[in-house]
Amino acid sequence: QRVTGIFLKGKSKKSVKLISVLLCTVLLLTCFTTACQPTPEKAVVANKNDGVFSSALNDSQDAEPYVAPQVLQYEMDGLPENFRIVFDAQVDVPDQTIWPVYVVEPAAISQQQADAVRVALLGNTVLYKPGEYRTREEIQRSIDRYERELKYSIDEGFEQLVVAYKEILKELYIEYERTPINLVLEEADTDFAFMEERASLGSENIYGICWLENGRKMEFAADNGAESGSRLYYELEDGNLMNEHKVSYSIDEAIDRADKLLEMMGLDFTLVEASTQLLYQPDDDMFFDFDVIIGEASHTLVYKPAVENVPQDNIVSIIDQSIGEIYRSAIMGQEKISISMDDFGVFSFSWSSPMQIVAQEAASVKLMPFEDVQQRIEQQLKVQTLWDNSEDEWIDSRRLEINKIKLSYMLIPKANDMKRYYLAPLWNICGEMYFCYKDSYPTGESNTYILDDNFERRAWGSGFDDRDYSILTINAIDGTAIPRYRWH
């Protein structure tokens, strides 16, 4: 219509019409020739810098140890006066000379694997189908608990809780009277089968409960989910009659027991973390005094798959490093097995996100020199931490302390492929952020935060336990920052 309007009588001069004809000719030629170009065989690249990463996945002839300092100690320049980034970090580099890259994808738990895990954990103990029932002993345990809480609420004058607990106890008394002394239980099927009441769309499950001789009621489940991935777990079920924890053997013996258990299951995994949970002095029937340690409650061991020349760790993110929900949903959780045990045996076993290697992308890749890695770390730390949305009127300054830089492996999403991932080397940068408050910060029982003598507090970092928490993850091959999210 616009071109036609140009040629209407009285609208345009001859020179304008001539230019319009030439312009239309050029547009027609370029548009048609563009439309006739062949359709690209490769889809649009989804991840930035993936071309750089893919081009770097060539076998390297280097077979020398990676050169990096053992410790970094300095303070970054070029920051505002009220923000400091201080490095006092151990640089942890595995003792190896080759760095392979694998392509992996989610794997289903096979029937053989599920059987092996179940037998190793349960032996000949029978699994029963779950249902809307509990034994009288289990119900009585709940009654005892809520009667204690009711008495406490009455003594403390918590009127709303008193009303709620009385209603709960009323239902428990009725349930107890209606429950037969000897329940008739139906044995559970230990073969994978679709169970509509438990599963997401398209998944197959094994699910059952059992009672152990030590008084514990346990739940065993395996799930090959089409959407959520596969997992297997064995844990305490609601209503178990013995949930107190105490362990009298060492962490080394716990590791030995867990190693033998995995061997019985036919699973080749490597220990990446061992920790001991402490037992505290109880104040009364409901609370514990966390200042008084009276023993050890349990040991927990974390394992990851054993892959040749792939050092593993159990570092997770302490702050969001993601780029949105869409990308987050595409990131597969790292495969691991967690085992918790005490004097009565294993009371928790979980196997999450199993994977399988489908190809070796490179036998060994060339890693970015550490000087360049250090530069990328500094650049990205400025981007991620220079502005902090937790600042308020009371914060006078901030200090970020980097205490560990570790070279290991993690899954990296593969461009244009929502089901496969690279298992590739990366750097985890771990640290802690401190906020220093103004002297006028209000003190007393009503203040929001507890500050030290220097009006300072640790805002985030490894304060929850002795683990290392990543605040930044850098690809060791091309230096790109890898998005990851909290606890991943």
Protein backbone atom coordinates (compact mmCIF):
# COMPACT_ATOMS: atom_id res chain seq x y z
CA GLN A 1 0.00 0.00 0.00
CA ARG A 2 2.85 2.37 0.74
CA VAL A 3 4.53 1.67 -2.61
CA THR A 4 1.21 2.14 -4.40
CA GLY A 5 0.71 5.44 -2.61
CA ILE A 6 4.00 6.72 -3.99
CA PHE A 7 2.72 6.32 -7.60
CA LEU A 8 -0.66 7.97 -7.02
CA LYS A 9 -1.26 11.10 -9.06
CA GLY A 10 0.01 14.20 -7.37
CA LYS A 11 1.81 12.31 -4.64
CA SER A 12 5.41 11.99 -5.78
CA LYS A 13 7.90 13.41 -8.22
CA LYS A 14 9.40 11.31 -11.05
CA SER A 15 12.76 11.12 -9.24
CA VAL A 16 11.09 9.71 -6.13
CA LYS A 17 9.23 7.14 -8.22
CA LEU A 18 12.47 6.06 -9.92
CA ILE A 19 14.23 5.64 -6.58
CA SER A 20 11.26 3.63 -5.29
CA VAL A 21 11.39 1.26 -8.25
CA LEU A 22 15.11 0.66 -7.72
CA LEU A 23 14.57 0.14 -3.96
CA CYS A 24 11.79 -2.38 -4.55
CA THR A 25 13.96 -4.26 -7.03
CA VAL A 26 16.81 -4.48 -4.53
CA LEU A 27 14.47 -5.63 -1.73
CA LEU A 28 12.87 -8.29 -3.88
CA LEU A 29 16.22 -9.69 -4.97
CA THR A 30 17.67 -9.76 -1.47
CA CYS A 31 14.54 -11.15 0.18
CA PHE A 32 14.12 -13.96 -2.32
CA THR A 33 17.77 -14.93 -2.26
CA THR A 34 17.72 -14.94 1.53
CA ALA A 35 14.61 -17.09 1.61
CA CYS A 36 16.22 -19.54 -0.78
CA GLN A 37 19.23 -20.14 1.45
CA PRO A 38 19.40 -23.70 2.82
CA THR A 39 18.02 -24.21 6.36
CA PRO A 40 20.85 -24.52 8.91
CA GLU A 41 21.31 -28.09 10.06
CA LYS A 42 22.37 -27.00 13.55
CA ALA A 43 19.84 -25.45 15.90
CA VAL A 44 20.31 -22.06 17.49
CA VAL A 45 22.93 -22.21 20.22
CA ALA A 46 21.18 -21.97 23.58
CA ASN A 47 24.11 -21.26 25.86
CA LYS A 48 26.36 -18.26 25.49
CA ASN A 49 30.01 -19.08 24.81
CA ASP A 50 29.13 -22.68 23.98
CA GLY A 51 30.94 -22.29 20.69
CA VAL A 52 34.08 -21.35 22.60
CA PHE A 53 33.65 -24.29 24.96
CA SER A 54 32.94 -26.81 22.19
CA SER A 55 35.92 -25.67 20.15
CA ALA A 56 38.13 -26.19 23.20
CA LEU A 57 37.08 -29.82 23.56
CA ASN A 58 40.04 -31.12 21.60
CA ASP A 59 42.45 -33.71 22.88
CA SER A 60 45.49 -32.06 24.38
CA GLN A 61 48.95 -33.53 24.06
CA ASP A 62 49.96 -32.00 27.39
CA ALA A 63 50.67 -34.53 30.10
CA GLU A 64 52.17 -32.20 32.68
CA PRO A 65 50.80 -31.43 36.15
CA TYR A 66 48.63 -28.33 36.27
CA VAL A 67 50.59 -25.35 37.59
CA ALA A 68 48.87 -23.28 40.29
CA PRO A 69 49.93 -21.68 43.57
CA GLN A 70 49.08 -23.54 46.75
CA VAL A 71 47.76 -20.38 48.43
CA LEU A 72 46.43 -17.01 47.26
CA GLN A 73 46.77 -14.12 49.72
CA TYR A 74 45.96 -10.57 48.65
CA GLU A 75 43.18 -7.96 48.50
CA MET A 76 41.50 -6.94 45.26
CA ASP A 77 41.84 -3.40 43.91
CA GLY A 78 39.31 -1.19 42.19
CA LEU A 79 36.41 -1.61 44.62
CA PRO A 80 34.35 0.97 46.53
CA GLU A 81 35.63 1.98 49.94
CA ASN A 82 32.79 0.17 51.71
CA PHE A 83 33.42 -3.16 49.96
CA ARG A 84 36.50 -5.40 50.21
CA ILE A 85 37.31 -8.74 48.57
CA VAL A 86 40.11 -10.51 50.41
CA PHE A 87 41.82 -13.72 49.23
CA ASP A 88 43.24 -16.02 51.88
CA ALA A 89 42.53 -19.17 49.92
CA GLN A 90 43.91 -22.66 49.64
CA VAL A 91 44.14 -23.66 45.96
CA ASP A 92 43.20 -27.31 45.72
CA VAL A 93 44.36 -29.05 42.50
CA PRO A 94 44.09 -32.85 42.09
CA ASP A 95 47.31 -34.75 41.47
CA GLN A 96 46.72 -35.80 37.84
CA THR A 97 47.94 -34.85 34.39
CA ILE A 98 44.96 -35.60 32.12
CA TRP A 99 41.52 -34.01 32.17
CA PRO A 100 38.89 -35.97 30.23
CA VAL A 101 35.45 -34.66 29.26
CA TYR A 102 32.51 -37.06 29.11
CA VAL A 103 28.98 -36.83 27.78
CA VAL A 104 26.44 -38.19 30.27
CA GLU A 105 22.68 -38.56 30.46
CA PRO A 106 20.14 -39.50 33.15
CA ALA A 107 19.81 -43.23 33.76
CA ALA A 108 17.00 -45.37 35.08
CA ILE A 109 17.54 -47.62 38.08
CA SER A 110 17.43 -51.19 36.80
CA GLN A 111 15.45 -53.95 38.43
CA GLN A 112 18.70 -55.75 39.23
CA GLN A 113 20.11 -52.66 40.94
CA ALA A 114 16.92 -52.08 42.95
CA ASP A 115 16.95 -55.72 44.11
CA ALA A 116 20.62 -55.55 45.09
CA VAL A 117 20.11 -52.38 47.14
CA ARG A 118 16.99 -53.72 48.84
CA VAL A 119 18.63 -57.03 49.81
CA ALA A 120 21.77 -55.26 51.10
CA LEU A 121 19.68 -52.96 53.28
CA LEU A 122 16.82 -55.24 54.35
CA GLY A 123 18.09 -58.76 54.01
CA ASN A 124 15.08 -61.08 54.33
CA THR A 125 12.82 -58.46 55.93
CA VAL A 126 9.46 -58.39 54.13
CA LEU A 127 8.15 -55.23 52.47
CA TYR A 128 4.44 -54.59 52.88
CA LYS A 129 2.09 -52.43 50.88
CA PRO A 130 1.47 -49.09 52.56
CA GLY A 131 -2.04 -48.18 53.58
CA GLU A 132 -4.13 -45.99 55.85
CA TYR A 133 -3.18 -47.93 58.96
CA ARG A 134 -0.77 -47.96 61.84
CA THR A 135 -0.18 -50.42 64.61
CA ARG A 136 -1.50 -49.67 68.08
CA GLU A 137 2.08 -49.19 69.27
CA GLU A 138 2.67 -46.52 66.64
CA ILE A 139 -0.57 -44.73 67.52
CA GLN A 140 0.29 -44.86 71.22
CA ARG A 141 3.64 -43.24 70.50
CA SER A 142 1.85 -40.33 68.80
CA ILE A 143 -0.56 -40.10 71.74
CA ASP A 144 2.34 -39.90 74.18
CA ARG A 145 4.00 -37.16 72.14
CA TYR A 146 0.93 -34.94 71.86
CA GLU A 147 0.00 -35.46 75.50
CA ARG A 148 3.44 -34.11 76.44
CA GLU A 149 3.01 -31.14 74.10
CA LEU A 150 -0.51 -30.51 75.43
CA LYS A 151 0.78 -30.40 79.00
CA TYR A 152 3.56 -27.99 77.98
CA SER A 153 1.07 -25.72 76.15
CA ILE A 154 -1.25 -25.65 79.18
CA ASP A 155 1.62 -24.79 81.51
CA GLU A 156 2.84 -21.99 79.19
CA GLY A 157 -0.64 -20.63 78.50
CA PHE A 158 -0.65 -21.30 74.71
CA GLU A 159 -4.45 -21.42 74.36
CA GLN A 160 -4.59 -21.93 70.59
CA LEU A 161 -2.16 -24.85 70.79
CA VAL A 162 -4.17 -26.37 73.64
CA VAL A 163 -7.29 -26.42 71.46
CA ALA A 164 -5.37 -27.85 68.48
CA TYR A 165 -3.67 -30.61 70.50
CA LYS A 166 -6.94 -31.66 72.12
CA GLU A 167 -8.48 -32.14 68.67
CA ILE A 168 -5.47 -34.16 67.49
CA LEU A 169 -5.60 -36.35 70.58
CA LYS A 170 -9.33 -36.93 70.14
CA GLU A 171 -8.68 -38.34 66.65
CA LEU A 172 -5.78 -40.46 67.91
CA TYR A 173 -7.88 -42.00 70.70
CA ILE A 174 -10.56 -42.96 68.14
CA GLU A 175 -7.93 -44.37 65.74
CA TYR A 176 -6.42 -46.44 68.56
CA GLU A 177 -9.76 -48.02 69.49
CA ARG A 178 -10.62 -48.83 65.88
CA THR A 179 -7.26 -50.43 65.10
CA PRO A 180 -7.20 -54.22 65.50
CA ILE A 181 -4.52 -55.69 67.72
CA ASN A 182 -3.15 -57.77 64.86
CA LEU A 183 -3.14 -56.02 61.48
CA VAL A 184 -3.48 -58.05 58.30
CA LEU A 185 -0.77 -56.82 55.95
CA GLU A 186 -0.36 -57.43 52.22
CA GLU A 187 3.13 -58.06 50.89
CA ALA A 188 4.42 -55.38 48.49
CA ASP A 189 5.53 -56.10 44.93
CA THR A 190 9.28 -55.49 44.62
CA ASP A 191 9.20 -55.24 40.81
CA PHE A 192 8.94 -51.86 39.12
CA ALA A 193 5.31 -51.08 38.29
CA PHE A 194 3.26 -48.00 37.54
CA MET A 195 1.55 -46.71 40.70
CA GLU A 196 -0.86 -43.90 39.96
CA GLU A 197 -1.28 -42.82 43.56
CA ARG A 198 2.46 -42.13 44.02
CA ALA A 199 3.99 -41.35 40.67
CA SER A 200 4.31 -38.44 38.33
CA LEU A 201 3.25 -39.02 34.73
CA GLY A 202 4.93 -41.98 33.11
CA SER A 203 7.03 -43.17 36.05
CA GLU A 204 7.42 -46.64 37.53
CA ASN A 205 7.88 -47.37 41.21
CA ILE A 206 8.66 -49.83 43.94
CA TYR A 207 7.25 -48.85 47.30
CA GLY A 208 6.78 -50.57 50.61
CA ILE A 209 7.18 -50.36 54.37
CA CYS A 210 8.72 -52.76 56.84
CA TRP A 211 9.31 -53.23 60.54
CA LEU A 212 12.82 -54.05 61.73
CA GLU A 213 13.67 -56.08 64.81
CA ASN A 214 15.20 -53.00 66.46
CA GLY A 215 11.78 -51.33 66.55
CA ARG A 216 12.16 -49.06 63.56
CA LYS A 217 9.54 -48.71 60.87
CA MET A 218 11.21 -48.09 57.50
CA GLU A 219 10.11 -46.99 54.05
CA PHE A 220 11.76 -48.29 50.87
CA ALA A 221 11.05 -46.66 47.52
CA ALA A 222 12.53 -46.58 44.04
CA ASP A 223 11.21 -44.27 41.34
CA ASN A 224 12.09 -44.11 37.65
CA GLY A 225 10.37 -40.83 36.84
CA ALA A 226 9.96 -39.54 33.32
CA GLU A 227 10.07 -35.90 34.47
CA SER A 228 11.75 -35.73 37.84
CA GLY A 229 14.51 -38.27 37.17
CA SER A 230 15.23 -41.50 39.00
CA ARG A 231 15.91 -41.99 42.69
CA LEU A 232 15.94 -44.63 45.39
CA TYR A 233 15.61 -44.09 49.13
CA TYR A 234 15.28 -45.99 52.40
CA GLU A 235 14.37 -43.97 55.47
CA LEU A 236 12.45 -43.81 58.72
CA GLU A 237 8.69 -43.93 58.23
CA ASP A 238 6.17 -42.01 60.31
CA GLY A 239 5.19 -43.98 63.39
CA ASN A 240 8.43 -45.89 63.99
CA LEU A 241 8.79 -46.90 67.62
CA MET A 242 12.50 -46.17 67.96
CA ASN A 243 13.87 -42.97 66.45
CA GLU A 244 16.54 -42.06 69.01
CA HIS A 245 20.03 -41.91 67.56
CA LYS A 246 23.34 -42.81 69.17
CA VAL A 247 26.59 -44.03 67.66
CA SER A 248 29.49 -45.51 69.62
CA TYR A 249 31.88 -46.38 66.76
CA SER A 250 34.26 -44.10 64.86
CA ILE A 251 33.75 -42.34 61.56
CA ASP A 252 36.43 -44.58 60.02
CA GLU A 253 34.46 -47.69 60.97
CA ALA A 254 31.33 -46.07 59.52
CA ILE A 255 33.18 -45.52 56.23
CA ASP A 256 34.31 -49.15 56.24
CA ARG A 257 30.72 -50.34 56.80
CA ALA A 258 29.37 -48.08 54.06
CA ASP A 259 32.06 -49.20 51.60
CA LYS A 260 31.15 -52.85 52.20
CA LEU A 261 27.47 -52.03 51.81
CA LEU A 262 28.04 -50.41 48.40
CA GLU A 263 30.18 -53.36 47.37
CA MET A 264 27.28 -55.71 48.21
CA MET A 265 25.05 -53.52 46.03
CA GLY A 266 27.50 -53.68 43.12
CA LEU A 267 27.86 -49.87 43.05
CA ASP A 268 31.25 -48.30 42.28
CA PHE A 269 31.26 -44.96 44.10
CA THR A 270 33.89 -42.72 45.70
CA LEU A 271 33.62 -41.14 49.16
CA VAL A 272 33.46 -37.33 48.90
CA GLU A 273 32.32 -36.35 52.40
CA ALA A 274 32.13 -37.83 55.91
CA SER A 275 30.52 -36.06 58.85
CA THR A 276 29.31 -36.81 62.37
CA GLN A 277 26.08 -35.50 63.83
CA LEU A 278 26.31 -34.65 67.54
CA LEU A 279 24.04 -35.55 70.45
CA TYR A 280 22.99 -32.67 72.67
CA GLN A 281 21.77 -32.40 76.24
CA PRO A 282 17.95 -32.38 76.38
CA ASP A 283 16.48 -29.45 78.33
CA ASP A 284 13.09 -31.04 78.80
CA ASP A 285 10.67 -33.24 76.90
CA MET A 286 10.61 -30.92 73.87
CA PHE A 287 13.86 -29.01 73.47
CA PHE A 288 17.63 -29.54 73.45
CA ASP A 289 20.46 -27.46 74.83
CA PHE A 290 22.70 -27.02 71.80
CA ASP A 291 25.50 -25.66 73.96
CA VAL A 292 25.99 -28.97 75.78
CA ILE A 293 27.29 -31.90 73.67
CA ILE A 294 26.85 -35.29 75.35
CA GLY A 295 27.91 -37.62 72.55
CA GLU A 296 27.58 -38.54 68.89
CA ALA A 297 24.22 -39.27 67.30
CA SER A 298 25.13 -40.66 63.86
CA HIS A 299 27.58 -40.66 60.94
CA THR A 300 26.72 -39.58 57.40
CA LEU A 301 28.76 -40.56 54.32
CA VAL A 302 28.30 -39.02 50.87
CA TYR A 303 29.50 -40.82 47.72
CA LYS A 304 29.70 -39.93 44.03
CA PRO A 305 30.27 -42.21 41.02
CA ALA A 306 33.82 -43.39 40.47
CA VAL A 307 34.88 -42.22 36.98
CA GLU A 308 38.44 -42.55 35.76
CA ASN A 309 40.44 -39.32 36.15
CA VAL A 310 37.37 -37.44 37.40
CA PRO A 311 37.95 -36.01 40.90
CA GLN A 312 34.66 -35.41 42.71
CA ASP A 313 33.61 -33.18 45.57
CA ASN A 314 30.43 -32.34 47.45
CA ILE A 315 30.56 -28.56 47.15
CA VAL A 316 27.18 -26.92 46.69
CA SER A 317 26.18 -23.33 46.00
CA ILE A 318 25.45 -21.00 48.92
CA ILE A 319 23.93 -18.24 46.76
CA ASP A 320 21.83 -18.29 43.61
CA GLN A 321 24.04 -18.33 40.52
CA SER A 322 21.23 -19.23 38.13
CA ILE A 323 19.88 -17.22 35.21
CA GLY A 324 16.22 -17.99 35.67
CA GLU A 325 13.72 -20.77 36.20
CA ILE A 326 13.88 -22.06 32.61
CA TYR A 327 17.61 -22.65 32.77
CA ARG A 328 17.37 -23.99 36.30
CA SER A 329 14.95 -26.72 35.27
CA ALA A 330 17.42 -27.88 32.63
CA ILE A 331 20.22 -28.49 35.13
CA MET A 332 20.51 -32.07 36.34
CA GLY A 333 21.44 -32.68 39.94
CA GLN A 334 24.80 -34.30 40.51
CA GLU A 335 24.48 -38.06 41.11
CA LYS A 336 25.26 -39.08 44.68
CA ILE A 337 24.53 -41.59 47.42
CA SER A 338 24.08 -40.53 51.03
CA ILE A 339 24.16 -43.04 53.91
CA SER A 340 23.38 -42.26 57.56
CA MET A 341 23.92 -44.86 60.29
CA ASP A 342 24.03 -45.25 64.05
CA ASP A 343 24.34 -48.14 66.53
CA PHE A 344 21.12 -49.68 65.21
CA GLY A 345 22.24 -49.72 61.58
CA VAL A 346 21.43 -47.69 58.46
CA PHE A 347 18.44 -45.43 59.05
CA SER A 348 18.77 -43.38 55.86
CA PHE A 349 19.97 -44.28 52.36
CA SER A 350 19.36 -42.13 49.28
CA TRP A 351 20.54 -42.51 45.71
CA SER A 352 19.62 -39.51 43.58
CA SER A 353 20.00 -38.52 39.93
CA PRO A 354 21.73 -41.65 38.57
CA MET A 355 23.56 -41.02 35.30
CA GLN A 356 25.35 -43.00 32.62
CA ILE A 357 28.31 -42.10 30.43
CA VAL A 358 27.38 -42.27 26.75
CA ALA A 359 30.60 -40.95 25.19
CA GLN A 360 34.03 -39.55 25.88
CA GLU A 361 34.13 -36.15 24.24
CA ALA A 362 37.87 -35.76 24.80
CA ALA A 363 40.51 -37.98 26.36
CA SER A 364 42.17 -34.91 27.87
CA VAL A 365 41.60 -31.19 27.38
CA LYS A 366 43.90 -28.22 27.88
CA LEU A 367 42.91 -26.22 30.95
CA MET A 368 43.02 -22.44 31.07
CA PRO A 369 46.25 -21.21 32.75
CA PHE A 370 45.69 -20.30 36.37
CA GLU A 371 46.71 -16.66 35.80
CA ASP A 372 43.76 -16.32 33.38
CA VAL A 373 41.48 -18.21 35.77
CA GLN A 374 42.40 -15.82 38.56
CA GLN A 375 41.57 -12.86 36.34
CA ARG A 376 38.19 -14.36 35.45
CA ILE A 377 37.45 -15.01 39.12
CA GLU A 378 38.11 -11.37 39.98
CA GLN A 379 35.98 -10.10 37.09
CA GLN A 380 33.05 -12.34 37.94
CA LEU A 381 33.20 -11.70 41.69
CA LYS A 382 32.82 -8.01 40.99
CA VAL A 383 29.80 -8.68 38.80
CA GLN A 384 28.10 -11.03 41.28
CA THR A 385 28.86 -9.36 44.58
CA LEU A 386 29.49 -5.64 43.99
CA TRP A 387 25.78 -4.99 44.46
CA ASP A 388 23.99 -6.88 47.20
CA ASN A 389 20.24 -6.67 47.71
CA SER A 390 20.53 -7.48 51.41
CA GLU A 391 22.08 -4.10 52.20
CA ASP A 392 20.03 -1.81 54.40
CA GLU A 393 20.40 1.47 56.24
CA TRP A 394 22.35 -0.15 59.09
CA ILE A 395 25.14 -1.74 57.00
CA ASP A 396 28.30 0.32 56.99
CA SER A 397 30.55 -1.95 54.90
CA ARG A 398 30.91 -5.46 53.45
CA ARG A 399 33.86 -7.87 53.25
CA LEU A 400 34.03 -10.98 51.07
CA GLU A 401 36.66 -13.50 52.17
CA ILE A 402 37.66 -16.19 49.64
CA ASN A 403 39.00 -19.20 51.55
CA LYS A 404 39.14 -22.06 48.99
CA ILE A 405 39.53 -22.44 45.22
CA LYS A 406 39.04 -26.05 44.16
CA LEU A 407 39.45 -27.77 40.79
CA SER A 408 37.00 -30.64 40.30
CA TYR A 409 34.16 -31.75 37.99
CA MET A 410 30.47 -30.96 37.53
CA LEU A 411 27.70 -31.45 34.98
CA ILE A 412 27.42 -28.65 32.41
CA PRO A 413 24.29 -28.49 30.19
CA LYS A 414 24.99 -29.41 26.57
CA ALA A 415 23.77 -26.82 24.07
CA ASN A 416 20.70 -27.79 22.02
CA ASP A 417 20.29 -31.00 24.02
CA MET A 418 18.00 -31.04 27.07
CA LYS A 419 18.88 -34.62 28.01
CA ARG A 420 22.66 -34.74 27.86
CA TYR A 421 25.40 -33.00 29.78
CA TYR A 422 29.15 -32.58 29.78
CA LEU A 423 30.99 -33.92 32.79
CA ALA A 424 33.81 -31.40 32.66
CA PRO A 425 36.47 -29.77 34.89
CA LEU A 426 35.62 -26.55 36.71
CA TRP A 427 36.72 -24.28 39.50
CA ASN A 428 34.63 -23.78 42.64
CA ILE A 429 35.36 -20.54 44.47
CA CYS A 430 34.30 -20.77 48.11
CA GLY A 431 34.05 -17.97 50.62
CA GLU A 432 32.11 -16.02 53.19
CA MET A 433 30.47 -12.59 53.17
CA TYR A 434 30.60 -10.38 56.26
CA PHE A 435 28.43 -7.32 56.94
CA CYS A 436 29.73 -4.64 59.27
CA TYR A 437 26.97 -2.56 60.88
CA LYS A 438 26.99 1.01 62.09
CA ASP A 439 27.62 1.75 65.74
CA SER A 440 24.05 3.02 65.96
CA TYR A 441 22.63 -0.41 65.14
CA PRO A 442 19.97 -1.13 67.81
CA THR A 443 20.94 -3.81 70.30
CA GLY A 444 18.80 -5.82 72.66
CA GLU A 445 16.35 -8.69 72.42
CA SER A 446 14.39 -7.08 69.59
CA ASN A 447 17.29 -6.60 67.17
CA THR A 448 17.26 -8.65 63.97
CA TYR A 449 20.86 -9.88 64.00
CA ILE A 450 23.38 -10.87 66.64
CA LEU A 451 26.64 -9.01 66.00
CA ASP A 452 30.14 -9.62 67.35
CA ASP A 453 32.21 -7.07 69.26
CA ASN A 454 33.11 -5.35 65.97
CA PHE A 455 29.43 -4.92 65.01
CA GLU A 456 29.89 -7.58 62.33
CA ARG A 457 28.10 -10.75 61.31
CA ARG A 458 28.59 -13.47 58.70
CA ALA A 459 25.83 -12.85 56.16
CA TRP A 460 26.42 -16.03 54.16
CA GLY A 461 29.09 -18.65 53.72
CA SER A 462 30.13 -21.88 55.37
CA GLY A 463 28.52 -21.08 58.70
CA PHE A 464 26.02 -23.92 58.59
CA ASP A 465 28.56 -26.72 58.92
CA ASP A 466 32.14 -27.59 57.99
CA ARG A 467 31.42 -27.97 54.28
CA ASP A 468 32.71 -25.72 51.51
CA TYR A 469 30.04 -23.65 49.78
CA SER A 470 30.62 -22.25 46.30
CA ILE A 471 29.85 -18.61 45.60
CA LEU A 472 31.16 -18.80 42.03
CA THR A 473 31.74 -21.62 39.54
CA ILE A 474 34.10 -21.15 36.57
CA ASN A 475 34.57 -23.48 33.59
CA ALA A 476 38.21 -24.63 33.78
CA ILE A 477 38.46 -24.94 30.00
CA ASP A 478 37.14 -21.63 28.64
CA GLY A 479 36.64 -19.52 31.78
CA THR A 480 32.90 -18.96 31.47
CA ALA A 481 30.84 -18.62 34.62
CA ILE A 482 28.58 -21.65 35.07
CA PRO A 483 25.09 -20.90 36.39
CA ARG A 484 24.10 -23.01 39.35
CA TYR A 485 21.57 -22.49 42.09
CA ARG A 486 21.39 -22.76 45.83
CA TRP A 487 22.14 -26.23 47.28
CA HIS A 488 22.86 -27.66 43.80
